Amino acid sequence: MLTSKERAQLRAKANGLPTTLLIGKFGVTENVVAEADALLTSRELIKGKVLEGACQTPREVCDALCEATGAEGVAVIGTKFVLYRFSEKCQAERNAVGRAKRKEVPVAKADPVRKAVRVRRRAAKRQKQERDQYFKKQAIDRAISRAKEQRLKDSD
């Protein structure tokens, strides 16, 4: 059973697919089922179309093909339908090409961007503290010199 997210992804993939399976006035026959099975084995995802002269609706055709081939119905829109069935053959091809599920890349515990930001903030904080200490010392020295000058004026 497909989840809604998987179904949405498959619908998006099927958007660009050409219609490969046509259902005519005789509906779902053994030949149609065999063709759908072959297509599902080779492609996993197929798009089909029910012609106007057919005696079945696209929904009925989709359900019948799903039942006969063991596929999942992804979407039925207008006269077109999309079927999906996992294929070992396609998986093997993806593995050979390197498109298989890749191992996750381990993420370093220390993020270099955040580390650089922290270093810059610490440096700025240190500079500010040094500046504040310098001005505080200057203010104290001025206050002491004023106090000395005041004492000298008062003693005169």
N, C-alpha and C. Protein backbone atom coordinates (compact mmCIF):
# COMPACT_ATOMS: atom_id res chain seq x y z
N MET A 1 0.85 -1.19 0.00
CA MET A 1 0.00 0.00 0.00
C MET A 1 0.89 1.25 0.00
N LEU A 2 0.60 2.15 -0.87
CA LEU A 2 1.38 3.38 -0.99
C LEU A 2 0.86 4.45 -0.03
N THR A 3 1.77 5.22 0.53
CA THR A 3 1.36 6.36 1.35
C THR A 3 1.01 7.52 0.42
N SER A 4 0.39 8.54 0.97
CA SER A 4 0.00 9.68 0.14
C SER A 4 1.22 10.41 -0.42
N LYS A 5 2.32 10.46 0.34
CA LYS A 5 3.53 11.13 -0.15
C LYS A 5 4.16 10.34 -1.29
N GLU A 6 4.20 9.02 -1.13
CA GLU A 6 4.75 8.19 -2.20
C GLU A 6 3.89 8.32 -3.46
N ARG A 7 2.58 8.32 -3.27
CA ARG A 7 1.66 8.45 -4.40
C ARG A 7 1.87 9.80 -5.10
N ALA A 8 2.07 10.85 -4.32
CA ALA A 8 2.31 12.17 -4.90
C ALA A 8 3.61 12.19 -5.69
N GLN A 9 4.66 11.56 -5.16
CA GLN A 9 5.93 11.51 -5.89
C GLN A 9 5.79 10.73 -7.20
N LEU A 10 5.05 9.63 -7.13
CA LEU A 10 4.86 8.83 -8.34
C LEU A 10 4.02 9.57 -9.38
N ARG A 11 3.02 10.33 -8.91
CA ARG A 11 2.23 11.14 -9.85
C ARG A 11 3.11 12.17 -10.53
N ALA A 12 4.02 12.77 -9.75
CA ALA A 12 4.92 13.77 -10.32
C ALA A 12 5.84 13.13 -11.36
N LYS A 13 6.35 11.93 -11.07
CA LYS A 13 7.21 11.24 -12.04
C LYS A 13 6.43 10.87 -13.29
N ALA A 14 5.17 10.46 -13.12
CA ALA A 14 4.36 10.01 -14.25
C ALA A 14 3.93 11.16 -15.14
N ASN A 15 4.03 12.37 -14.65
CA ASN A 15 3.61 13.53 -15.43
C ASN A 15 4.30 13.60 -16.78
N GLY A 16 5.59 13.32 -16.79
CA GLY A 16 6.35 13.42 -18.04
C GLY A 16 6.41 12.14 -18.83
N LEU A 17 5.81 11.07 -18.34
CA LEU A 17 5.85 9.80 -19.05
C LEU A 17 4.93 9.81 -20.27
N PRO A 18 5.33 9.12 -21.33
CA PRO A 18 4.41 8.96 -22.46
C PRO A 18 3.39 7.87 -22.15
N THR A 19 2.26 7.92 -22.79
CA THR A 19 1.24 6.90 -22.62
C THR A 19 1.71 5.64 -23.35
N THR A 20 1.89 4.54 -22.59
CA THR A 20 2.44 3.32 -23.19
C THR A 20 1.42 2.20 -23.31
N LEU A 21 0.29 2.33 -22.66
CA LEU A 21 -0.71 1.26 -22.68
C LEU A 21 -2.05 1.84 -23.13
N LEU A 22 -2.60 1.31 -24.20
CA LEU A 22 -3.88 1.79 -24.72
C LEU A 22 -4.93 0.69 -24.54
N ILE A 23 -6.10 1.07 -24.02
CA ILE A 23 -7.20 0.14 -23.82
C ILE A 23 -8.28 0.49 -24.83
N GLY A 24 -8.62 -0.46 -25.67
CA GLY A 24 -9.61 -0.23 -26.73
C GLY A 24 -11.00 -0.70 -26.36
N LYS A 25 -11.82 -0.98 -27.37
CA LYS A 25 -13.23 -1.30 -27.14
C LYS A 25 -13.45 -2.66 -26.48
N PHE A 26 -12.46 -3.56 -26.54
CA PHE A 26 -12.63 -4.86 -25.90
C PHE A 26 -12.29 -4.83 -24.41
N GLY A 27 -11.76 -3.74 -23.93
CA GLY A 27 -11.47 -3.59 -22.50
C GLY A 27 -10.21 -4.34 -22.09
N VAL A 28 -10.22 -4.87 -20.87
CA VAL A 28 -9.05 -5.56 -20.32
C VAL A 28 -9.09 -7.02 -20.75
N THR A 29 -8.19 -7.37 -21.65
CA THR A 29 -8.10 -8.75 -22.14
C THR A 29 -6.80 -9.37 -21.63
N GLU A 30 -6.58 -10.64 -21.95
CA GLU A 30 -5.36 -11.33 -21.52
C GLU A 30 -4.13 -10.67 -22.13
N ASN A 31 -4.23 -10.25 -23.37
CA ASN A 31 -3.11 -9.58 -24.03
C ASN A 31 -2.77 -8.25 -23.36
N VAL A 32 -3.79 -7.53 -22.97
CA VAL A 32 -3.57 -6.23 -22.29
C VAL A 32 -2.90 -6.48 -20.94
N VAL A 33 -3.37 -7.49 -20.21
CA VAL A 33 -2.78 -7.82 -18.90
C VAL A 33 -1.32 -8.24 -19.07
N ALA A 34 -1.03 -9.06 -20.08
CA ALA A 34 0.34 -9.50 -20.34
C ALA A 34 1.24 -8.32 -20.69
N GLU A 35 0.72 -7.42 -21.52
CA GLU A 35 1.49 -6.22 -21.90
C GLU A 35 1.74 -5.33 -20.68
N ALA A 36 0.73 -5.13 -19.86
CA ALA A 36 0.87 -4.31 -18.65
C ALA A 36 1.89 -4.93 -17.70
N ASP A 37 1.86 -6.27 -17.56
CA ASP A 37 2.80 -6.97 -16.70
C ASP A 37 4.23 -6.79 -17.20
N ALA A 38 4.42 -6.91 -18.50
CA ALA A 38 5.75 -6.73 -19.09
C ALA A 38 6.25 -5.29 -18.89
N LEU A 39 5.36 -4.34 -19.10
CA LEU A 39 5.75 -2.93 -18.91
C LEU A 39 6.08 -2.64 -17.46
N LEU A 40 5.29 -3.15 -16.53
CA LEU A 40 5.56 -2.93 -15.11
C LEU A 40 6.87 -3.56 -14.67
N THR A 41 7.21 -4.71 -15.25
CA THR A 41 8.47 -5.36 -14.91
C THR A 41 9.65 -4.55 -15.43
N SER A 42 9.51 -3.98 -16.61
CA SER A 42 10.63 -3.25 -17.19
C SER A 42 10.71 -1.79 -16.75
N ARG A 43 9.59 -1.20 -16.32
CA ARG A 43 9.58 0.24 -16.02
C ARG A 43 9.13 0.62 -14.62
N GLU A 44 8.40 -0.20 -13.93
CA GLU A 44 7.81 0.06 -12.61
C GLU A 44 6.60 1.00 -12.67
N LEU A 45 6.67 2.01 -13.49
CA LEU A 45 5.61 3.03 -13.54
C LEU A 45 5.13 3.17 -14.98
N ILE A 46 3.84 2.96 -15.20
CA ILE A 46 3.32 3.09 -16.56
C ILE A 46 2.09 3.97 -16.58
N LYS A 47 1.90 4.60 -17.73
CA LYS A 47 0.72 5.44 -17.93
C LYS A 47 -0.12 4.81 -19.03
N GLY A 48 -1.40 4.71 -18.79
CA GLY A 48 -2.29 4.12 -19.78
C GLY A 48 -3.43 5.05 -20.12
N LYS A 49 -4.09 4.74 -21.25
CA LYS A 49 -5.21 5.58 -21.69
C LYS A 49 -6.34 4.66 -22.15
N VAL A 50 -7.54 5.03 -21.76
CA VAL A 50 -8.73 4.28 -22.19
C VAL A 50 -9.35 5.08 -23.33
N LEU A 51 -9.46 4.44 -24.48
CA LEU A 51 -10.03 5.12 -25.65
C LEU A 51 -11.53 5.32 -25.49
N GLU A 52 -12.12 6.21 -26.28
CA GLU A 52 -13.54 6.55 -26.15
C GLU A 52 -14.47 5.38 -26.46
N GLY A 53 -14.06 4.50 -27.32
CA GLY A 53 -14.91 3.38 -27.71
C GLY A 53 -14.93 2.24 -26.70
N ALA A 54 -14.17 2.34 -25.64
CA ALA A 54 -14.09 1.26 -24.65
C ALA A 54 -15.39 1.16 -23.86
N CYS A 55 -15.70 -0.08 -23.46
CA CYS A 55 -16.95 -0.29 -22.73
C CYS A 55 -16.76 -0.12 -21.22
N GLN A 56 -15.53 0.14 -20.77
CA GLN A 56 -15.26 0.32 -19.34
C GLN A 56 -14.75 1.73 -19.08
N THR A 57 -14.95 2.18 -17.84
CA THR A 57 -14.43 3.49 -17.44
C THR A 57 -12.95 3.34 -17.08
N PRO A 58 -12.21 4.42 -17.08
CA PRO A 58 -10.79 4.34 -16.71
C PRO A 58 -10.59 3.78 -15.29
N ARG A 59 -11.49 4.11 -14.37
CA ARG A 59 -11.37 3.60 -13.00
C ARG A 59 -11.52 2.07 -12.98
N GLU A 60 -12.50 1.56 -13.73
CA GLU A 60 -12.71 0.11 -13.79
C GLU A 60 -11.51 -0.59 -14.43
N VAL A 61 -10.95 -0.01 -15.47
CA VAL A 61 -9.79 -0.57 -16.13
C VAL A 61 -8.60 -0.59 -15.18
N CYS A 62 -8.39 0.52 -14.47
CA CYS A 62 -7.28 0.62 -13.53
C CYS A 62 -7.41 -0.45 -12.44
N ASP A 63 -8.60 -0.57 -11.86
CA ASP A 63 -8.82 -1.57 -10.81
C ASP A 63 -8.61 -2.99 -11.34
N ALA A 64 -9.09 -3.28 -12.53
CA ALA A 64 -8.95 -4.62 -13.11
C ALA A 64 -7.47 -4.95 -13.36
N LEU A 65 -6.72 -3.98 -13.89
CA LEU A 65 -5.30 -4.21 -14.14
C LEU A 65 -4.51 -4.35 -12.84
N CYS A 66 -4.88 -3.57 -11.83
CA CYS A 66 -4.23 -3.68 -10.52
C CYS A 66 -4.44 -5.08 -9.95
N GLU A 67 -5.64 -5.56 -10.05
CA GLU A 67 -5.97 -6.88 -9.53
C GLU A 67 -5.24 -7.97 -10.30
N ALA A 68 -5.16 -7.83 -11.62
CA ALA A 68 -4.55 -8.87 -12.45
C ALA A 68 -3.03 -8.89 -12.36
N THR A 69 -2.40 -7.73 -12.19
CA THR A 69 -0.94 -7.66 -12.21
C THR A 69 -0.32 -7.50 -10.83
N GLY A 70 -1.12 -7.21 -9.83
CA GLY A 70 -0.57 -6.98 -8.49
C GLY A 70 0.04 -5.61 -8.34
N ALA A 71 -0.37 -4.68 -9.16
CA ALA A 71 0.15 -3.31 -9.12
C ALA A 71 -0.70 -2.43 -8.22
N GLU A 72 -0.26 -1.21 -8.04
CA GLU A 72 -1.00 -0.21 -7.26
C GLU A 72 -1.47 0.87 -8.21
N GLY A 73 -2.70 1.29 -8.06
CA GLY A 73 -3.21 2.41 -8.84
C GLY A 73 -2.74 3.71 -8.23
N VAL A 74 -2.04 4.50 -9.00
CA VAL A 74 -1.50 5.77 -8.50
C VAL A 74 -2.49 6.89 -8.74
N ALA A 75 -3.01 6.99 -9.95
CA ALA A 75 -3.92 8.10 -10.28
C ALA A 75 -4.81 7.71 -11.45
N VAL A 76 -6.02 8.26 -11.44
CA VAL A 76 -6.93 8.15 -12.58
C VAL A 76 -7.47 9.56 -12.83
N ILE A 77 -7.11 10.11 -13.97
CA ILE A 77 -7.54 11.47 -14.31
C ILE A 77 -8.07 11.45 -15.74
N GLY A 78 -9.33 11.77 -15.88
CA GLY A 78 -9.94 11.78 -17.21
C GLY A 78 -9.91 10.39 -17.81
N THR A 79 -9.28 10.27 -18.95
CA THR A 79 -9.20 8.96 -19.61
C THR A 79 -7.87 8.27 -19.34
N LYS A 80 -6.99 8.89 -18.57
CA LYS A 80 -5.66 8.32 -18.32
C LYS A 80 -5.56 7.77 -16.90
N PHE A 81 -4.70 6.77 -16.74
CA PHE A 81 -4.45 6.19 -15.42
C PHE A 81 -2.97 5.84 -15.32
N VAL A 82 -2.49 5.74 -14.07
CA VAL A 82 -1.09 5.44 -13.80
C VAL A 82 -1.03 4.25 -12.85
N LEU A 83 -0.18 3.28 -13.18
CA LEU A 83 0.02 2.09 -12.36
C LEU A 83 1.47 2.01 -11.91
N TYR A 84 1.68 1.45 -10.71
CA TYR A 84 3.03 1.27 -10.17
C TYR A 84 3.15 -0.11 -9.54
N ARG A 85 4.29 -0.75 -9.81
CA ARG A 85 4.63 -2.00 -9.14
C ARG A 85 6.14 -2.05 -9.02
N PHE A 86 6.63 -2.35 -7.81
CA PHE A 86 8.07 -2.45 -7.59
C PHE A 86 8.65 -3.55 -8.45
N SER A 87 9.82 -3.28 -9.05
CA SER A 87 10.46 -4.24 -9.93
C SER A 87 11.90 -4.47 -9.48
N GLU A 88 12.25 -5.72 -9.25
CA GLU A 88 13.62 -6.08 -8.88
C GLU A 88 14.59 -5.71 -10.01
N LYS A 89 14.15 -5.85 -11.24
CA LYS A 89 14.99 -5.55 -12.40
C LYS A 89 15.38 -4.07 -12.40
N CYS A 90 14.43 -3.20 -12.15
CA CYS A 90 14.71 -1.76 -12.11
C CYS A 90 15.61 -1.41 -10.94
N GLN A 91 15.38 -2.08 -9.81
CA GLN A 91 16.22 -1.84 -8.63
C GLN A 91 17.66 -2.24 -8.92
N ALA A 92 17.85 -3.37 -9.59
CA ALA A 92 19.20 -3.81 -9.94
C ALA A 92 19.87 -2.81 -10.87
N GLU A 93 19.12 -2.27 -11.81
CA GLU A 93 19.67 -1.26 -12.72
C GLU A 93 20.07 0.00 -11.97
N ARG A 94 19.23 0.42 -11.03
CA ARG A 94 19.56 1.60 -10.23
C ARG A 94 20.81 1.35 -9.40
N ASN A 95 20.93 0.15 -8.83
CA ASN A 95 22.11 -0.17 -8.04
C ASN A 95 23.37 -0.17 -8.90
N ALA A 96 23.27 -0.69 -10.12
CA ALA A 96 24.43 -0.73 -11.01
C ALA A 96 24.87 0.67 -11.42
N VAL A 97 23.92 1.56 -11.61
CA VAL A 97 24.24 2.92 -12.03
C VAL A 97 24.72 3.75 -10.84
N GLY A 98 24.38 3.33 -9.64
CA GLY A 98 24.79 4.09 -8.46
C GLY A 98 23.70 4.97 -7.93
N ARG A 99 22.47 4.77 -8.37
CA ARG A 99 21.37 5.59 -7.91
C ARG A 99 20.63 4.92 -6.77
N ALA A 100 21.24 3.89 -6.18
CA ALA A 100 20.59 3.22 -5.06
C ALA A 100 20.61 4.14 -3.86
N LYS A 101 19.93 3.75 -2.84
CA LYS A 101 19.89 4.56 -1.64
C LYS A 101 21.30 4.66 -1.08
N ARG A 102 21.80 5.84 -1.02
CA ARG A 102 23.17 6.05 -0.56
C ARG A 102 23.20 6.16 0.95
N LYS A 103 24.37 5.83 1.50
CA LYS A 103 24.54 5.97 2.94
C LYS A 103 24.54 7.46 3.27
N GLU A 104 24.01 7.75 4.43
CA GLU A 104 23.98 9.15 4.84
C GLU A 104 25.40 9.59 5.19
N VAL A 105 25.73 10.79 4.81
CA VAL A 105 27.03 11.34 5.10
C VAL A 105 27.02 11.80 6.55
N PRO A 106 27.99 11.33 7.35
CA PRO A 106 27.98 11.74 8.76
C PRO A 106 28.21 13.24 8.89
N VAL A 107 27.43 13.84 9.70
CA VAL A 107 27.53 15.28 9.91
C VAL A 107 28.43 15.52 11.11
N ALA A 108 29.40 16.39 10.94
CA ALA A 108 30.32 16.70 12.04
C ALA A 108 29.56 17.37 13.17
N LYS A 109 29.99 17.07 14.37
CA LYS A 109 29.30 17.65 15.53
C LYS A 109 29.51 19.15 15.58
N ALA A 110 30.70 19.60 15.21
CA ALA A 110 30.98 21.02 15.23
C ALA A 110 30.71 21.60 13.85
N ASP A 111 29.74 22.46 13.78
CA ASP A 111 29.40 23.10 12.53
C ASP A 111 30.43 24.21 12.28
N PRO A 112 31.17 24.17 11.16
CA PRO A 112 32.22 25.15 10.94
C PRO A 112 31.71 26.58 10.85
N VAL A 113 30.52 26.77 10.34
CA VAL A 113 29.98 28.13 10.22
C VAL A 113 29.67 28.68 11.60
N ARG A 114 28.99 27.87 12.41
CA ARG A 114 28.67 28.34 13.76
C ARG A 114 29.94 28.54 14.58
N LYS A 115 30.93 27.67 14.38
CA LYS A 115 32.18 27.79 15.11
C LYS A 115 32.85 29.13 14.79
N ALA A 116 32.87 29.49 13.51
CA ALA A 116 33.48 30.76 13.11
C ALA A 116 32.71 31.94 13.69
N VAL A 117 31.40 31.84 13.73
CA VAL A 117 30.58 32.91 14.31
C VAL A 117 30.90 33.06 15.78
N ARG A 118 31.00 31.92 16.49
CA ARG A 118 31.32 31.97 17.92
C ARG A 118 32.69 32.59 18.16
N VAL A 119 33.67 32.24 17.33
CA VAL A 119 35.02 32.79 17.48
C VAL A 119 35.00 34.30 17.28
N ARG A 120 34.28 34.77 16.26
CA ARG A 120 34.20 36.21 16.02
C ARG A 120 33.50 36.93 17.17
N ARG A 121 32.43 36.32 17.70
CA ARG A 121 31.73 36.96 18.82
C ARG A 121 32.61 37.04 20.06
N ARG A 122 33.36 35.95 20.34
CA ARG A 122 34.27 35.97 21.50
C ARG A 122 35.33 37.04 21.32
N ALA A 123 35.89 37.16 20.10
CA ALA A 123 36.92 38.15 19.85
C ALA A 123 36.36 39.57 20.03
N ALA A 124 35.16 39.79 19.53
CA ALA A 124 34.53 41.10 19.68
C ALA A 124 34.25 41.40 21.15
N LYS A 125 33.81 40.40 21.89
CA LYS A 125 33.53 40.59 23.32
C LYS A 125 34.82 40.91 24.07
N ARG A 126 35.91 40.20 23.75
CA ARG A 126 37.20 40.44 24.38
C ARG A 126 37.68 41.86 24.09
N GLN A 127 37.56 42.30 22.82
CA GLN A 127 37.96 43.66 22.45
C GLN A 127 37.16 44.69 23.22
N LYS A 128 35.88 44.47 23.36
CA LYS A 128 35.02 45.41 24.08
C LYS A 128 35.42 45.48 25.56
N GLN A 129 35.70 44.32 26.15
CA GLN A 129 36.12 44.32 27.55
C GLN A 129 37.44 45.06 27.73
N GLU A 130 38.40 44.84 26.80
CA GLU A 130 39.68 45.55 26.87
C GLU A 130 39.49 47.06 26.74
N ARG A 131 38.62 47.46 25.79
CA ARG A 131 38.31 48.87 25.60
C ARG A 131 37.68 49.47 26.85
N ASP A 132 36.71 48.74 27.42
CA ASP A 132 36.04 49.22 28.62
C ASP A 132 37.03 49.37 29.78
N GLN A 133 37.94 48.40 29.93
CA GLN A 133 38.94 48.48 30.99
C GLN A 133 39.86 49.68 30.79
N TYR A 134 40.27 49.90 29.52
CA TYR A 134 41.13 51.03 29.22
C TYR A 134 40.44 52.34 29.58
N PHE A 135 39.20 52.53 29.15
CA PHE A 135 38.49 53.78 29.43
C PHE A 135 38.17 53.92 30.91
N LYS A 136 37.91 52.81 31.57
CA LYS A 136 37.66 52.86 33.01
C LYS A 136 38.92 53.32 33.74
N LYS A 137 40.08 52.78 33.33
CA LYS A 137 41.35 53.18 33.94
C LYS A 137 41.63 54.65 33.66
N GLN A 138 41.36 55.08 32.44
CA GLN A 138 41.55 56.49 32.10
C GLN A 138 40.66 57.39 32.95
N ALA A 139 39.40 56.97 33.12
CA ALA A 139 38.47 57.76 33.92
C ALA A 139 38.94 57.82 35.38
N ILE A 140 39.43 56.72 35.90
CA ILE A 140 39.92 56.70 37.29
C ILE A 140 41.14 57.60 37.42
N ASP A 141 42.08 57.51 36.46
CA ASP A 141 43.27 58.36 36.49
C ASP A 141 42.90 59.84 36.44
N ARG A 142 41.93 60.20 35.61
CA ARG A 142 41.48 61.60 35.53
C ARG A 142 40.85 62.04 36.84
N ALA A 143 40.05 61.17 37.40
CA ALA A 143 39.40 61.50 38.66
C ALA A 143 40.45 61.71 39.76
N ILE A 144 41.47 60.88 39.80
CA ILE A 144 42.55 61.03 40.80
C ILE A 144 43.30 62.33 40.57
N SER A 145 43.62 62.63 39.31
CA SER A 145 44.35 63.87 39.02
C SER A 145 43.50 65.09 39.37
N ARG A 146 42.22 65.06 39.14
CA ARG A 146 41.34 66.17 39.52
C ARG A 146 41.29 66.33 41.03
N ALA A 147 41.21 65.18 41.69
CA ALA A 147 41.16 65.24 43.16
C ALA A 147 42.45 65.84 43.71
N LYS A 148 43.62 65.50 43.15
CA LYS A 148 44.89 66.06 43.58
C LYS A 148 44.93 67.56 43.32
N GLU A 149 44.44 67.95 42.12
CA GLU A 149 44.41 69.37 41.79
C GLU A 149 43.49 70.13 42.74
N GLN A 150 42.40 69.53 43.10
CA GLN A 150 41.42 70.16 44.00
C GLN A 150 42.06 70.33 45.39
N ARG A 151 42.78 69.30 45.83
CA ARG A 151 43.44 69.39 47.16
C ARG A 151 44.50 70.49 47.16
N LEU A 152 45.26 70.57 46.04
CA LEU A 152 46.28 71.60 45.97
C LEU A 152 45.66 73.00 45.97
N LYS A 153 44.51 73.19 45.34
CA LYS A 153 43.83 74.50 45.34
C LYS A 153 43.31 74.81 46.73
N ASP A 154 42.77 73.78 47.37
CA ASP A 154 42.20 74.01 48.72
C ASP A 154 43.29 74.30 49.74
N SER A 155 44.47 73.69 49.57
CA SER A 155 45.55 73.91 50.53
C SER A 155 46.20 75.27 50.35
N ASP A 156 46.06 75.89 49.21
CA ASP A 156 46.65 77.19 48.96
C ASP A 156 45.81 78.24 49.54
